[in-house]
Amino acid sequence: MTPTARSLVLGLIGFAAASCSLIHSATAPAPRTLPPPNDFFQGVPIIPGAVSGRAVGTAYLYQIDASLLEVQEFYLREMPLAGWALEDQTGDAAQGDTSIRLRFTKGEELAAIFISEGEGKRTEVSIL
């Protein structure tokens, strides 16, 4: 990744982090097993059953009827299977956080996944 592209990605990461919803929840629902991924966006798995998905430039945004914890666990489990290594994590749904950022690397590639509470029981996911 060129320095300019990396700067753009890091800028988008900062923008997405700033725009994440900060609604607090007292308890997280019990996790349920999700099926394996069947779709990818630029090498990053998309949870089956995702709704309202759309590509916006080099980002992909979608919603899913799953808890924050389920989505977080999905990416922590599936990204390494797709060849990505966890670089860092901000927030943890298991600790009650309602905004999570996961950053993964694969060689020179960087992928950031933002997970936040959406409307109703939906969770919003942004992949950069």
Protein backbone atom coordinates (compact mmCIF):
# COMPACT_ATOMS: atom_id res chain seq x y z
CA MET A 1 0.00 0.00 0.00
CA THR A 2 1.40 3.39 -0.93
CA PRO A 3 1.87 6.05 1.76
CA THR A 4 -0.93 8.12 0.15
CA ALA A 5 -3.33 5.17 0.11
CA ARG A 6 -2.44 4.29 3.72
CA SER A 7 -3.07 7.91 4.78
CA LEU A 8 -6.46 7.80 3.04
CA VAL A 9 -7.36 4.52 4.74
CA LEU A 10 -6.28 5.83 8.16
CA GLY A 11 -8.29 9.02 7.55
CA LEU A 12 -11.37 6.97 6.66
CA ILE A 13 -10.83 4.86 9.77
CA GLY A 14 -10.78 7.99 11.93
CA PHE A 15 -13.92 9.33 10.20
CA ALA A 16 -15.79 6.04 10.66
CA ALA A 17 -14.73 5.79 14.30
CA ALA A 18 -15.96 9.31 14.96
CA SER A 19 -19.31 8.56 13.33
CA CYS A 20 -19.97 5.31 15.24
CA SER A 21 -23.07 5.28 17.39
CA LEU A 22 -22.43 5.51 21.15
CA ILE A 23 -25.67 4.07 22.49
CA HIS A 24 -25.05 2.14 25.71
CA SER A 25 -26.61 -1.19 26.57
CA ALA A 26 -26.76 -2.73 30.05
CA THR A 27 -26.56 -6.34 28.87
CA ALA A 28 -25.64 -8.14 25.67
CA PRO A 29 -27.98 -10.82 24.30
CA ALA A 30 -26.80 -14.43 24.41
CA PRO A 31 -24.71 -15.28 21.31
CA ARG A 32 -26.05 -17.64 18.66
CA THR A 33 -24.11 -19.59 16.08
CA LEU A 34 -23.87 -17.90 12.70
CA PRO A 35 -23.34 -19.81 9.45
CA PRO A 36 -19.94 -19.62 7.74
CA PRO A 37 -19.34 -16.68 5.37
CA ASN A 38 -20.40 -17.06 1.76
CA ASP A 39 -19.47 -13.62 0.45
CA PHE A 40 -16.42 -11.37 0.62
CA PHE A 41 -15.63 -7.69 0.02
CA GLN A 42 -12.01 -7.19 -1.04
CA GLY A 43 -10.97 -10.35 0.82
CA VAL A 44 -12.98 -9.55 3.98
CA PRO A 45 -15.84 -11.96 4.81
CA ILE A 46 -19.40 -10.65 4.99
CA ILE A 47 -21.76 -12.35 7.46
CA PRO A 48 -24.49 -14.35 5.67
CA GLY A 49 -27.87 -12.67 6.11
CA ALA A 50 -26.47 -9.13 5.96
CA VAL A 51 -29.06 -6.57 4.88
CA SER A 52 -28.80 -3.09 3.37
CA GLY A 53 -25.27 -3.76 2.10
CA ARG A 54 -23.61 -1.30 -0.26
CA ALA A 55 -20.14 -0.43 -1.46
CA VAL A 56 -19.10 3.19 -1.03
CA GLY A 57 -15.76 3.71 -2.76
CA THR A 58 -13.32 1.32 -1.08
CA ALA A 59 -15.65 0.76 1.90
CA TYR A 60 -18.55 -1.63 2.38
CA LEU A 61 -21.40 -0.82 4.77
CA TYR A 62 -24.11 -3.20 5.90
CA GLN A 63 -26.52 -4.05 8.67
CA ILE A 64 -27.24 -7.45 10.19
CA ASP A 65 -29.85 -8.80 12.58
CA ALA A 66 -27.24 -10.04 15.04
CA SER A 67 -25.79 -8.70 18.29
CA LEU A 68 -22.57 -6.72 18.49
CA LEU A 69 -20.99 -9.67 20.29
CA GLU A 70 -21.99 -12.08 17.51
CA VAL A 71 -20.52 -9.81 14.85
CA GLN A 72 -17.32 -9.22 16.85
CA GLU A 73 -16.88 -12.96 17.41
CA PHE A 74 -17.56 -13.67 13.71
CA TYR A 75 -14.74 -11.36 12.58
CA LEU A 76 -12.31 -12.50 15.27
CA ARG A 77 -12.94 -16.11 14.13
CA GLU A 78 -13.28 -15.70 10.34
CA MET A 79 -10.64 -13.08 9.48
CA PRO A 80 -7.69 -15.32 10.49
CA LEU A 81 -9.25 -18.12 8.39
CA ALA A 82 -9.16 -15.70 5.42
CA GLY A 83 -5.46 -14.97 6.05
CA TRP A 84 -5.81 -11.78 8.12
CA ALA A 85 -3.97 -11.15 11.42
CA LEU A 86 -5.52 -9.03 14.17
CA GLU A 87 -3.39 -5.89 14.62
CA ASP A 88 -5.45 -4.21 17.33
CA GLN A 89 -8.91 -3.90 18.80
CA THR A 90 -10.71 -0.98 20.41
CA GLY A 91 -13.82 -1.83 22.41
CA ASP A 92 -15.21 -5.23 23.34
CA ALA A 93 -18.88 -6.19 23.15
CA ALA A 94 -18.29 -8.82 25.86
CA GLN A 95 -17.43 -5.91 28.20
CA GLY A 96 -20.57 -3.95 27.23
CA ASP A 97 -18.96 -1.59 24.70
CA THR A 98 -21.34 -0.51 21.94
CA SER A 99 -18.69 0.57 19.45
CA ILE A 100 -15.92 -1.79 18.37
CA ARG A 101 -13.04 -1.31 15.95
CA LEU A 102 -11.00 -4.25 14.71
CA ARG A 103 -7.89 -3.70 12.57
CA PHE A 104 -6.38 -6.56 10.60
CA THR A 105 -3.35 -6.87 8.34
CA LYS A 106 -2.54 -9.26 5.52
CA GLY A 107 0.93 -8.57 4.19
CA GLU A 108 0.86 -4.88 3.22
CA GLU A 109 -2.97 -4.73 3.25
CA LEU A 110 -4.94 -3.16 6.09
CA ALA A 111 -8.62 -3.80 6.85
CA ALA A 112 -10.58 -1.97 9.53
CA ILE A 113 -13.98 -3.19 10.69
CA PHE A 114 -16.25 -0.90 12.70
CA ILE A 115 -19.18 -2.47 14.54
CA SER A 116 -21.85 -0.38 16.26
CA GLU A 117 -25.46 -0.55 17.37
CA GLY A 118 -27.99 0.35 14.71
CA GLU A 119 -31.72 0.92 14.83
CA GLY A 120 -33.85 -1.74 16.48
CA LYS A 121 -31.96 -4.99 16.90
CA ARG A 122 -29.69 -4.41 13.92
CA THR A 123 -25.95 -4.02 14.12
CA GLU A 124 -24.12 -1.73 11.68
CA VAL A 125 -20.85 -2.85 10.16
CA SER A 126 -18.38 -0.77 8.13
CA ILE A 127 -15.44 -2.39 6.37
CA LEU A 128 -12.61 -0.10 5.26
